[in-house]
Amino acid sequence: MRYAVVVQPRRHGGFVASVPALPGCRSHGTTEGEVLMNMHTAIARHLKRAKIFQVEVEDNGAATKNPWDSIIGMFENDSIFDDVEREIKRARVHPKNKARKKK
């Protein structure tokens, strides 16, 4: 796996590194290379100690609804919309080619 590592210089020399995706996973080093090598070890240790759980949460309606939900499928049986949809797809296939032709 790959993780984004944030490396920052320390005020009194050296570097500190952290992984935003793994809260609490940090390392130190005197050079950027050293801190990255140390970070590799820190990530491995962090993941070895970690446990992953899946938690089922009942939807109580508090989640924000997508404003588009109310119109999804409204053109499902509209034969005129099929023509519009084909035109949209055709325009999306080669948008760069259309821009070149206009020049």
C-alpha atoms as a PDB file:
ATOM      1  CA  MET A   1       0.000   0.000   0.000  1.00  0.00           C
ATOM      2  CA  ARG A   2       1.025   3.598  -0.470  1.00  0.00           C
ATOM      3  CA  TYR A   3       0.498   6.316   2.102  1.00  0.00           C
ATOM      4  CA  ALA A   4       0.973  10.046   1.813  1.00  0.00           C
ATOM      5  CA  VAL A   5       3.676  11.102   4.280  1.00  0.00           C
ATOM      6  CA  VAL A   6       3.951  14.698   5.454  1.00  0.00           C
ATOM      7  CA  VAL A   7       7.581  15.635   6.215  1.00  0.00           C
ATOM      8  CA  GLN A   8       8.299  18.868   8.070  1.00  0.00           C
ATOM      9  CA  PRO A   9      11.556  20.382   9.304  1.00  0.00           C
ATOM     10  CA  ARG A  10      11.907  20.696  13.071  1.00  0.00           C
ATOM     11  CA  ARG A  11      12.826  24.023  14.589  1.00  0.00           C
ATOM     12  CA  HIS A  12      16.070  22.770  16.083  1.00  0.00           C
ATOM     13  CA  GLY A  13      17.127  20.549  13.177  1.00  0.00           C
ATOM     14  CA  GLY A  14      16.001  17.259  11.778  1.00  0.00           C
ATOM     15  CA  PHE A  15      12.620  16.314  10.441  1.00  0.00           C
ATOM     16  CA  VAL A  16       9.331  14.940  11.692  1.00  0.00           C
ATOM     17  CA  ALA A  17       6.966  12.888   9.544  1.00  0.00           C
ATOM     18  CA  SER A  18       3.337  11.895   9.907  1.00  0.00           C
ATOM     19  CA  VAL A  19       0.718  10.019   7.908  1.00  0.00           C
ATOM     20  CA  PRO A  20      -2.632  11.848   7.714  1.00  0.00           C
ATOM     21  CA  ALA A  21      -4.455   8.567   6.962  1.00  0.00           C
ATOM     22  CA  LEU A  22      -3.021   6.967  10.125  1.00  0.00           C
ATOM     23  CA  PRO A  23      -3.584   9.311  13.084  1.00  0.00           C
ATOM     24  CA  GLY A  24      -0.815   9.033  15.645  1.00  0.00           C
ATOM     25  CA  CYS A  25       1.672   7.474  13.230  1.00  0.00           C
ATOM     26  CA  ARG A  26       4.752   9.710  13.432  1.00  0.00           C
ATOM     27  CA  SER A  27       8.506   9.453  13.118  1.00  0.00           C
ATOM     28  CA  HIS A  28      11.646  11.602  13.432  1.00  0.00           C
ATOM     29  CA  GLY A  29      14.979  11.701  11.624  1.00  0.00           C
ATOM     30  CA  THR A  30      17.987  13.918  11.048  1.00  0.00           C
ATOM     31  CA  THR A  31      17.541  13.978   7.242  1.00  0.00           C
ATOM     32  CA  GLU A  32      14.541  13.620   4.939  1.00  0.00           C
ATOM     33  CA  GLY A  33      15.862  10.235   3.806  1.00  0.00           C
ATOM     34  CA  GLU A  34      16.240   9.013   7.371  1.00  0.00           C
ATOM     35  CA  VAL A  35      12.803  10.211   8.429  1.00  0.00           C
ATOM     36  CA  LEU A  36      11.247   8.435   5.433  1.00  0.00           C
ATOM     37  CA  MET A  37      13.056   5.182   6.278  1.00  0.00           C
ATOM     38  CA  ASN A  38      11.931   5.544   9.896  1.00  0.00           C
ATOM     39  CA  MET A  39       8.401   6.307   8.694  1.00  0.00           C
ATOM     40  CA  HIS A  40       8.340   3.067   6.710  1.00  0.00           C
ATOM     41  CA  THR A  41       9.057   1.152   9.924  1.00  0.00           C
ATOM     42  CA  ALA A  42       6.558   3.251  11.901  1.00  0.00           C
ATOM     43  CA  ILE A  43       3.773   2.560   9.377  1.00  0.00           C
ATOM     44  CA  ALA A  44       4.459  -1.189   9.485  1.00  0.00           C
ATOM     45  CA  ARG A  45       4.349  -1.180  13.309  1.00  0.00           C
ATOM     46  CA  HIS A  46       1.239   0.978  13.363  1.00  0.00           C
ATOM     47  CA  LEU A  47      -0.612  -1.376  11.006  1.00  0.00           C
ATOM     48  CA  LYS A  48       0.582  -4.462  12.872  1.00  0.00           C
ATOM     49  CA  ARG A  49      -0.947  -3.146  16.119  1.00  0.00           C
ATOM     50  CA  ALA A  50      -4.124  -1.846  14.490  1.00  0.00           C
ATOM     51  CA  LYS A  51      -7.402  -3.699  14.369  1.00  0.00           C
ATOM     52  CA  ILE A  52     -10.001  -2.957  11.737  1.00  0.00           C
ATOM     53  CA  PHE A  53     -13.668  -3.224  12.623  1.00  0.00           C
ATOM     54  CA  GLN A  54     -16.759  -2.598  10.547  1.00  0.00           C
ATOM     55  CA  VAL A  55     -19.589  -0.927  12.381  1.00  0.00           C
ATOM     56  CA  GLU A  56     -23.162  -1.043  11.140  1.00  0.00           C
ATOM     57  CA  VAL A  57     -25.020   2.200  11.826  1.00  0.00           C
ATOM     58  CA  GLU A  58     -28.763   2.422  11.349  1.00  0.00           C
ATOM     59  CA  ASP A  59     -29.896   5.283   9.123  1.00  0.00           C
ATOM     60  CA  ASN A  60     -32.047   7.504  11.314  1.00  0.00           C
ATOM     61  CA  GLY A  61     -32.689  10.039   8.566  1.00  0.00           C
ATOM     62  CA  ALA A  62     -30.193  12.513   9.999  1.00  0.00           C
ATOM     63  CA  ALA A  63     -27.846  12.086   7.051  1.00  0.00           C
ATOM     64  CA  THR A  64     -28.048  14.852   4.506  1.00  0.00           C
ATOM     65  CA  LYS A  65     -30.016  13.814   1.456  1.00  0.00           C
ATOM     66  CA  ASN A  66     -28.674  14.552  -1.990  1.00  0.00           C
ATOM     67  CA  PRO A  67     -30.812  17.296  -3.583  1.00  0.00           C
ATOM     68  CA  TRP A  68     -30.773  15.387  -6.884  1.00  0.00           C
ATOM     69  CA  ASP A  69     -32.449  12.324  -5.316  1.00  0.00           C
ATOM     70  CA  SER A  70     -35.925  13.747  -5.926  1.00  0.00           C
ATOM     71  CA  ILE A  71     -35.451  13.909  -9.714  1.00  0.00           C
ATOM     72  CA  ILE A  72     -33.512  10.699 -10.359  1.00  0.00           C
ATOM     73  CA  GLY A  73     -35.374   8.618 -12.914  1.00  0.00           C
ATOM     74  CA  MET A  74     -37.928  11.252 -13.818  1.00  0.00           C
ATOM     75  CA  PHE A  75     -37.130  10.841 -17.545  1.00  0.00           C
ATOM     76  CA  GLU A  76     -36.910   7.055 -17.413  1.00  0.00           C
ATOM     77  CA  ASN A  77     -39.907   6.426 -19.704  1.00  0.00           C
ATOM     78  CA  ASP A  78     -39.635   9.630 -21.753  1.00  0.00           C
ATOM     79  CA  SER A  79     -38.691   8.744 -25.353  1.00  0.00           C
ATOM     80  CA  ILE A  80     -37.701  12.348 -26.121  1.00  0.00           C
ATOM     81  CA  PHE A  81     -35.052  12.230 -23.410  1.00  0.00           C
ATOM     82  CA  ASP A  82     -33.395   9.289 -25.193  1.00  0.00           C
ATOM     83  CA  ASP A  83     -32.469  11.689 -28.018  1.00  0.00           C
ATOM     84  CA  VAL A  84     -31.116  14.228 -25.535  1.00  0.00           C
ATOM     85  CA  GLU A  85     -29.110  11.531 -23.758  1.00  0.00           C
ATOM     86  CA  ARG A  86     -27.560  10.374 -27.069  1.00  0.00           C
ATOM     87  CA  GLU A  87     -26.509  13.943 -27.861  1.00  0.00           C
ATOM     88  CA  ILE A  88     -24.950  14.347 -24.406  1.00  0.00           C
ATOM     89  CA  LYS A  89     -23.003  11.099 -24.825  1.00  0.00           C
ATOM     90  CA  ARG A  90     -21.872  12.080 -28.329  1.00  0.00           C
ATOM     91  CA  ALA A  91     -20.608  15.445 -27.038  1.00  0.00           C
ATOM     92  CA  ARG A  92     -18.701  13.753 -24.207  1.00  0.00           C
ATOM     93  CA  VAL A  93     -16.954  11.191 -26.413  1.00  0.00           C
ATOM     94  CA  HIS A  94     -14.593  13.587 -28.176  1.00  0.00           C
ATOM     95  CA  PRO A  95     -14.824  17.055 -26.618  1.00  0.00           C
ATOM     96  CA  LYS A  96     -11.210  17.857 -27.629  1.00  0.00           C
ATOM     97  CA  ASN A  97     -11.859  16.934 -31.247  1.00  0.00           C
ATOM     98  CA  LYS A  98     -14.756  19.390 -31.390  1.00  0.00           C
ATOM     99  CA  ALA A  99     -12.577  22.167 -29.962  1.00  0.00           C
ATOM    100  CA  ARG A 100      -9.887  21.510 -32.604  1.00  0.00           C
ATOM    101  CA  LYS A 101     -12.396  21.624 -35.480  1.00  0.00           C
ATOM    102  CA  LYS A 102     -13.607  25.087 -34.395  1.00  0.00           C
ATOM    103  CA  LYS A 103     -10.109  26.587 -34.658  1.00  0.00           C
END
